[in-house]
Protein backbone atom coordinates (compact mmCIF):
# COMPACT_ATOMS: atom_id res chain seq x y z
CA UNK A 1 -2.52 -55.46 0.50
CA UNK A 2 -0.50 -52.16 0.97
CA UNK A 3 0.28 -50.54 -2.32
CA UNK A 4 3.59 -48.59 -2.57
CA UNK A 5 3.94 -45.80 -3.43
CA UNK A 6 7.40 -44.01 -4.57
CA UNK A 7 7.81 -40.15 -3.73
CA UNK A 8 9.20 -38.32 -6.79
CA UNK A 9 11.00 -34.83 -5.11
CA UNK A 10 12.06 -32.70 -8.35
CA UNK A 11 14.14 -29.49 -7.82
CA UNK A 12 14.29 -26.34 -9.10
CA UNK A 13 16.72 -24.87 -9.40
CA UNK A 14 17.56 -21.66 -8.06
CA UNK A 15 15.85 -18.29 -9.76
CA UNK A 16 18.93 -16.15 -9.78
CA UNK A 17 16.92 -13.11 -10.25
CA UNK A 18 14.89 -13.90 -7.29
CA UNK A 19 18.31 -14.43 -5.45
CA UNK A 20 19.97 -10.98 -6.81
CA UNK A 21 16.10 -9.33 -6.12
CA UNK A 22 17.11 -10.40 -2.26
CA UNK A 23 19.99 -8.81 -1.88
CA UNK A 24 19.33 -6.26 -3.14
CA UNK A 25 16.60 -5.54 -0.87
CA UNK A 26 18.80 -6.38 1.77
CA UNK A 27 21.37 -3.74 1.41
CA UNK A 28 18.96 -1.05 0.56
CA UNK A 29 17.18 -1.86 4.27
CA UNK A 30 21.19 -2.13 5.27
CA UNK A 31 21.93 1.13 3.66
CA UNK A 32 19.39 3.30 5.14
CA UNK A 33 20.54 1.54 8.84
CA UNK A 34 23.21 2.90 8.73
CA UNK A 35 22.43 6.51 7.77
CA UNK A 36 19.95 6.22 10.92
CA UNK A 37 22.73 5.36 13.03
CA UNK A 38 25.11 7.59 11.74
CA UNK A 39 22.47 10.51 12.30
CA UNK A 40 22.22 9.27 15.41
CA UNK A 41 25.49 9.81 16.80
CA UNK A 42 26.88 12.83 14.46
CA UNK A 43 23.99 14.93 15.03
CA UNK A 44 24.95 16.57 18.10
CA UNK A 45 22.08 16.95 20.82
CA UNK A 46 21.18 20.76 20.79
CA UNK A 47 19.53 19.28 17.12
CA UNK A 48 17.94 17.03 18.52
CA UNK A 49 14.11 18.38 16.98
CA UNK A 50 16.38 17.44 13.71
CA UNK A 51 17.05 14.18 14.22
CA UNK A 52 13.87 13.14 15.56
CA UNK A 53 12.62 14.25 12.45
CA UNK A 54 15.15 12.94 10.65
CA UNK A 55 14.17 9.07 11.81
CA UNK A 56 10.18 9.94 11.83
CA UNK A 57 11.34 10.84 7.95
CA UNK A 58 14.06 7.52 7.65
CA UNK A 59 11.58 5.64 9.80
CA UNK A 60 8.67 6.21 7.05
CA UNK A 61 10.51 5.48 3.91
CA UNK A 62 11.56 1.95 5.56
CA UNK A 63 8.07 1.30 5.93
CA UNK A 64 6.81 2.31 2.76
CA UNK A 65 10.25 0.37 1.09
CA UNK A 66 8.99 -2.80 3.64
CA UNK A 67 4.92 -2.34 2.10
CA UNK A 68 5.82 -2.28 -1.56
CA UNK A 69 8.45 -4.93 -1.76
CA UNK A 70 7.48 -7.95 1.37
CA UNK A 71 4.17 -7.38 0.30
CA UNK A 72 4.55 -7.29 -3.37
CA UNK A 73 2.23 -4.10 -3.17
CA UNK A 74 5.18 -2.30 -5.69
CA UNK A 75 3.73 -4.70 -8.88
CA UNK A 76 0.03 -4.34 -7.74
CA UNK A 77 -2.07 -1.70 -9.44
CA UNK A 78 -0.52 1.62 -7.82
CA UNK A 79 -4.16 2.76 -6.68
CA UNK A 80 -3.58 -0.53 -4.13
CA UNK A 81 -0.64 0.85 -3.09
CA UNK A 82 -1.91 4.23 -2.43
CA UNK A 83 -4.82 3.37 -0.77
CA UNK A 84 -2.37 1.74 1.46
CA UNK A 85 0.08 4.15 2.08
CA UNK A 86 -1.75 7.17 2.64
CA UNK A 87 -3.95 6.37 5.08
CA UNK A 88 -1.14 4.74 7.08
CA UNK A 89 0.56 7.46 6.59
CA UNK A 90 -2.48 10.23 8.07
CA UNK A 91 -2.27 7.66 10.97
CA UNK A 92 1.39 8.01 11.91
CA UNK A 93 0.45 11.66 11.23
CA UNK A 94 -2.58 11.22 13.89
CA UNK A 95 -0.61 9.47 16.75
CA UNK A 96 2.72 11.94 16.42
CA UNK A 97 0.04 14.74 16.76
CA UNK A 98 -1.77 12.98 19.61
CA UNK A 99 1.42 12.69 21.39
CA UNK A 100 2.10 16.48 20.87
CA UNK A 101 -1.52 17.16 22.18
CA UNK A 102 -0.81 14.99 24.67
CA UNK A 103 2.59 15.97 26.30
CA UNK A 104 1.45 19.95 25.74
CA UNK A 105 -2.18 19.69 27.59
CA UNK A 106 -0.01 17.34 30.44
CA UNK A 107 2.58 20.57 30.81
CA UNK A 108 0.13 23.12 31.84
CA UNK A 109 -1.29 23.45 34.98
CA UNK A 110 -4.17 24.59 36.20
CA UNK A 111 -3.77 24.45 39.69
């Protein structure tokens, strides 16, 4: 004898506040990306170092926003948020420093 069970599916109405927050997050990311494109195509080539530092700053801002919003760390205890964000900034700084030093060492001719 087989028992027949009916599956009941309840449809939850969409949460307007969450949808609005998602669109706001997408808008903020779009604005920062548009600013990156403006910087890329309007700053002359003579100011290459300035352009690179602007890109690095905007990338760190976007990374912090992504970590805070999509990993839900913005809503956690502030100590947890900073304990993740500060080491990430130091790791990025370390990578930039190693690349810079590596390029400086490779440009020195020993022979």
